[in-house]
Protein backbone atom coordinates (compact mmCIF):
# COMPACT_ATOMS: atom_id res chain seq x y z
CA MET A 1 -0.59 13.78 26.81
CA SER A 2 -0.44 15.86 23.61
CA GLY A 3 3.36 15.76 23.52
CA GLU A 4 3.39 12.01 24.14
CA LEU A 5 0.76 11.48 21.44
CA ALA A 6 2.80 13.52 18.96
CA GLU A 7 5.82 11.27 19.59
CA HIS A 8 3.76 8.13 18.98
CA VAL A 9 2.28 9.67 15.81
CA ALA A 10 5.76 10.49 14.49
CA VAL A 11 7.01 6.94 15.11
CA SER A 12 4.00 5.25 13.51
CA SER A 13 4.01 7.67 10.57
CA ALA A 14 7.67 6.89 9.86
CA ARG A 15 6.94 3.15 9.93
CA VAL A 16 3.90 3.47 7.68
CA LEU A 17 5.63 5.67 5.12
CA GLN A 18 8.68 3.40 5.01
CA GLY A 19 6.64 0.20 4.69
CA PHE A 20 4.25 1.74 2.17
CA GLY A 21 7.13 3.14 0.13
CA ILE A 22 8.86 -0.24 -0.10
CA ALA A 23 5.59 -1.99 -0.97
CA ALA A 24 4.71 0.58 -3.64
CA VAL A 25 8.08 0.35 -5.40
CA LEU A 26 8.09 -3.47 -5.38
CA ALA A 27 4.43 -3.88 -6.34
CA LEU A 28 4.51 -1.31 -9.15
CA ALA A 29 7.69 -2.74 -10.67
CA LEU A 30 6.57 -6.37 -10.37
CA GLY A 31 3.05 -5.56 -11.53
CA ILE A 32 4.24 -3.90 -14.73
CA VAL A 33 6.87 -6.55 -15.53
CA MET A 34 4.65 -9.53 -14.69
CA GLY A 35 1.69 -8.00 -16.52
CA LEU A 36 3.71 -7.63 -19.72
CA ILE A 37 5.33 -11.08 -19.77
CA GLY A 38 2.98 -14.04 -20.23
CA PRO A 39 4.71 -16.73 -18.11
CA LEU A 40 5.38 -14.22 -15.33
CA ASN A 41 1.76 -13.12 -15.51
CA ARG A 42 0.61 -16.67 -14.76
CA LEU A 43 3.13 -16.88 -11.92
CA ALA A 44 1.85 -13.58 -10.52
CA ASP A 45 -1.73 -14.82 -10.63
CA LEU A 46 -0.76 -17.98 -8.73
CA MET A 47 1.21 -15.97 -6.17
CA VAL A 48 -1.66 -13.57 -5.58
CA GLN A 49 -4.26 -16.34 -5.27
CA VAL A 50 -2.14 -18.23 -2.72
CA LEU A 51 -0.69 -15.40 -0.62
CA LYS A 52 -3.30 -12.64 -0.78
CA PRO A 53 -5.86 -14.39 1.50
CA ILE A 54 -3.27 -14.70 4.32
CA PRO A 55 -3.82 -11.75 6.71
CA PRO A 56 -0.66 -9.76 7.52
CA ILE A 57 -1.07 -10.47 11.24
CA ALA A 58 -0.60 -14.20 10.52
CA TRP A 59 2.95 -13.39 9.39
CA ILE A 60 3.97 -11.97 12.77
CA PRO A 61 5.50 -15.24 14.12
CA LEU A 62 7.58 -15.69 10.94
CA SER A 63 8.60 -12.04 10.92
CA ILE A 64 9.96 -12.44 14.45
CA LEU A 65 11.86 -15.59 13.46
CA TRP A 66 13.32 -13.91 10.36
CA PHE A 67 13.97 -10.38 11.61
CA GLY A 68 13.83 -10.53 15.40
CA ILE A 69 11.79 -7.95 17.31
CA GLY A 70 13.36 -4.82 15.83
CA GLU A 71 12.06 -2.33 13.30
CA GLU A 72 12.59 -4.72 10.38
CA ALA A 73 9.82 -7.06 11.60
CA LYS A 74 7.36 -4.18 11.94
CA ILE A 75 8.18 -2.79 8.50
CA PHE A 76 7.82 -6.29 7.01
CA ILE A 77 4.23 -6.59 8.28
CA ILE A 78 3.32 -3.18 6.85
CA VAL A 79 4.95 -4.03 3.51
CA LEU A 80 2.89 -7.22 3.27
CA GLY A 81 -0.32 -5.36 4.04
CA ALA A 82 0.23 -2.72 1.36
CA PHE A 83 1.91 -4.89 -1.27
CA PHE A 84 -0.95 -7.03 -2.57
CA PRO A 85 -3.59 -4.30 -3.10
CA ILE A 86 -1.07 -2.30 -5.13
CA LEU A 87 0.15 -5.36 -7.06
CA VAL A 88 -3.37 -6.51 -7.96
CA SER A 89 -4.40 -3.02 -9.10
CA THR A 90 -1.25 -2.66 -11.19
CA LEU A 91 -1.71 -6.06 -12.84
CA ASP A 92 -5.34 -5.29 -13.64
CA ALA A 93 -4.39 -1.88 -15.02
CA VAL A 94 -1.76 -3.41 -17.32
CA HIS A 95 -4.20 -6.06 -18.54
CA GLN A 96 -6.79 -3.41 -19.38
CA THR A 97 -4.49 -1.51 -21.73
CA ASP A 98 -6.43 -0.95 -24.97
CA VAL A 99 -5.50 -3.70 -27.45
CA ARG A 100 -5.75 -1.19 -30.30
CA TYR A 101 -2.89 0.82 -28.82
CA VAL A 102 -0.81 -2.33 -28.44
CA GLU A 103 -1.36 -3.32 -32.08
CA LEU A 104 -0.67 0.21 -33.30
CA ALA A 105 2.58 0.29 -31.33
CA ARG A 106 3.63 -2.99 -32.96
CA VAL A 107 2.83 -1.71 -36.44
CA LEU A 108 4.76 1.51 -35.83
CA GLU A 109 7.56 -0.47 -34.14
CA VAL A 110 7.44 1.73 -31.06
CA PRO A 111 10.18 0.68 -28.60
CA ARG A 112 8.73 -1.21 -25.66
CA LEU A 113 10.07 1.23 -23.06
CA ASN A 114 8.54 4.16 -24.93
CA PHE A 115 5.21 2.33 -25.14
CA ILE A 116 5.26 1.61 -21.41
CA ARG A 117 6.20 5.18 -20.49
CA GLN A 118 4.01 7.08 -22.96
CA VAL A 119 0.95 4.85 -23.43
CA MET A 120 0.55 2.09 -20.87
CA ILE A 121 1.42 3.90 -17.64
CA PRO A 122 -0.69 7.02 -18.37
CA GLY A 123 -3.66 4.79 -19.22
CA ALA A 124 -3.12 2.66 -16.13
CA LEU A 125 -2.65 5.56 -13.70
CA PRO A 126 -6.26 5.83 -12.46
CA GLN A 127 -6.35 2.20 -11.36
CA ILE A 128 -2.80 2.31 -10.03
CA MET A 129 -3.68 5.33 -7.89
CA SER A 130 -6.70 3.46 -6.53
CA GLY A 131 -4.36 0.62 -5.55
CA LEU A 132 -1.99 3.05 -3.85
CA ARG A 133 -4.84 4.55 -1.85
CA LEU A 134 -5.95 1.10 -0.73
CA GLY A 135 -2.32 0.27 0.06
CA ILE A 136 -1.85 3.28 2.35
CA THR A 137 -5.10 2.42 4.14
CA MET A 138 -3.86 -1.13 4.70
CA SER A 139 -0.55 0.27 5.95
CA TRP A 140 -2.29 2.18 8.74
CA MET A 141 -4.34 -0.89 9.62
CA CYS A 142 -1.22 -3.05 9.75
CA VAL A 143 0.85 -0.64 11.83
CA VAL A 144 -1.27 -1.53 14.87
CA ALA A 145 -0.53 -5.24 14.37
CA ALA A 146 3.12 -4.45 13.64
CA GLU A 147 3.47 -2.48 16.87
CA LEU A 148 2.38 -5.49 18.88
CA ILE A 149 5.89 -6.85 18.23
CA ALA A 150 7.71 -5.71 21.37
CA ALA A 151 7.12 -2.06 20.52
CA SER A 152 7.72 0.70 23.04
CA SER A 153 6.28 3.48 20.91
CA GLY A 154 3.74 4.10 18.19
CA ILE A 155 -0.03 4.45 18.02
CA GLY A 156 -0.53 0.69 18.20
CA PHE A 157 1.57 0.58 21.37
CA LEU A 158 -0.43 3.50 22.80
CA ILE A 159 -3.72 1.70 22.15
CA MET A 160 -2.49 -1.52 23.74
CA ASP A 161 -1.03 0.39 26.69
CA GLY A 162 -4.40 2.06 27.20
CA ARG A 163 -6.08 -1.34 27.19
CA VAL A 164 -3.64 -2.73 29.77
CA MET A 165 -4.19 0.32 31.98
CA SER A 166 -7.98 0.11 31.43
CA ASN A 167 -7.89 3.69 30.15
CA ALA A 168 -10.60 3.94 27.50
CA SER A 169 -9.79 7.58 26.71
CA VAL A 170 -6.25 6.66 25.65
CA VAL A 171 -7.57 3.81 23.49
CA LEU A 172 -10.12 6.10 21.84
CA ALA A 173 -7.53 8.83 21.33
CA GLY A 174 -5.27 6.34 19.55
CA MET A 175 -8.11 5.04 17.39
CA ILE A 176 -9.29 8.51 16.39
CA THR A 177 -5.72 9.60 15.65
CA LEU A 178 -5.25 6.53 13.45
CA GLY A 179 -8.43 7.36 11.55
CA VAL A 180 -7.42 11.00 11.04
CA LEU A 181 -3.96 10.05 9.79
CA GLY A 182 -5.46 7.52 7.39
CA LYS A 183 -7.83 10.18 6.05
CA LEU A 184 -5.02 12.73 5.61
CA THR A 185 -2.79 10.34 3.68
CA ASP A 186 -5.71 9.20 1.53
CA ASP A 187 -6.53 12.84 0.76
CA ALA A 188 -2.89 13.44 -0.20
CA LEU A 189 -2.98 10.55 -2.68
CA ARG A 190 -6.38 11.68 -3.96
CA PHE A 191 -4.90 15.15 -4.60
CA ALA A 192 -1.94 13.59 -6.43
CA GLU A 193 -4.38 11.52 -8.50
CA ARG A 194 -6.31 14.61 -9.56
CA ARG A 195 -3.09 16.32 -10.61
CA LEU A 196 -1.72 13.31 -12.50
CA VAL A 197 -4.97 12.24 -14.14
CA ARG A 198 -6.56 15.55 -15.05
CA TRP A 199 -7.93 14.11 -18.30
CA ARG A 200 -10.13 11.65 -16.47
CA ALA A 201 -13.55 13.04 -15.64
CA GLY A 202 -15.70 10.92 -13.37
CA PHE A 203 -19.19 11.14 -11.85
CA SER A 204 -19.02 13.02 -8.55
CA GLY A 205 -22.68 13.04 -7.55
CA LEU A 206 -25.83 15.00 -8.39
């Protein structure tokens, strides 16, 4: 069982990391660009308000029509799950850039790329990292739904197989494994956040 579980973990982990990686790149790039440009910002707000409430599992029929039942459909579902939390956090982080810094950059005629790289992104990092952590959590949640699409491997497949075989121990093993993997990846991003945002001191309890 342990060897079989390890194989399912490896397959699901690869899907999650690929889907999360694609979502992070797209959401970060779009969030920064749309947050900086007024008309695009309004378009982004409309897109988020319309598409965000749709659960990723509702996209499964369309993903099958568009991509078939291969890996692309599964990755698509994971990308959708992770994309919007990261996009919303990035947009909010851009909007919360201190206006004084923006005005000072204009007075000093700081090139826009330099301003983005040296001022805006460092200031936005805490909120962006929070979005990434939420995105990776959503990725693990969505991988179960994604692996309902004619999958023959993965933790989601293992859980469904346990249900079909009425084997509660297999279902519980899959659920616990999913929770542990989610915790490990969240801890990894939390560690990266502490390293990247050392200047930010927050309340950590009494």
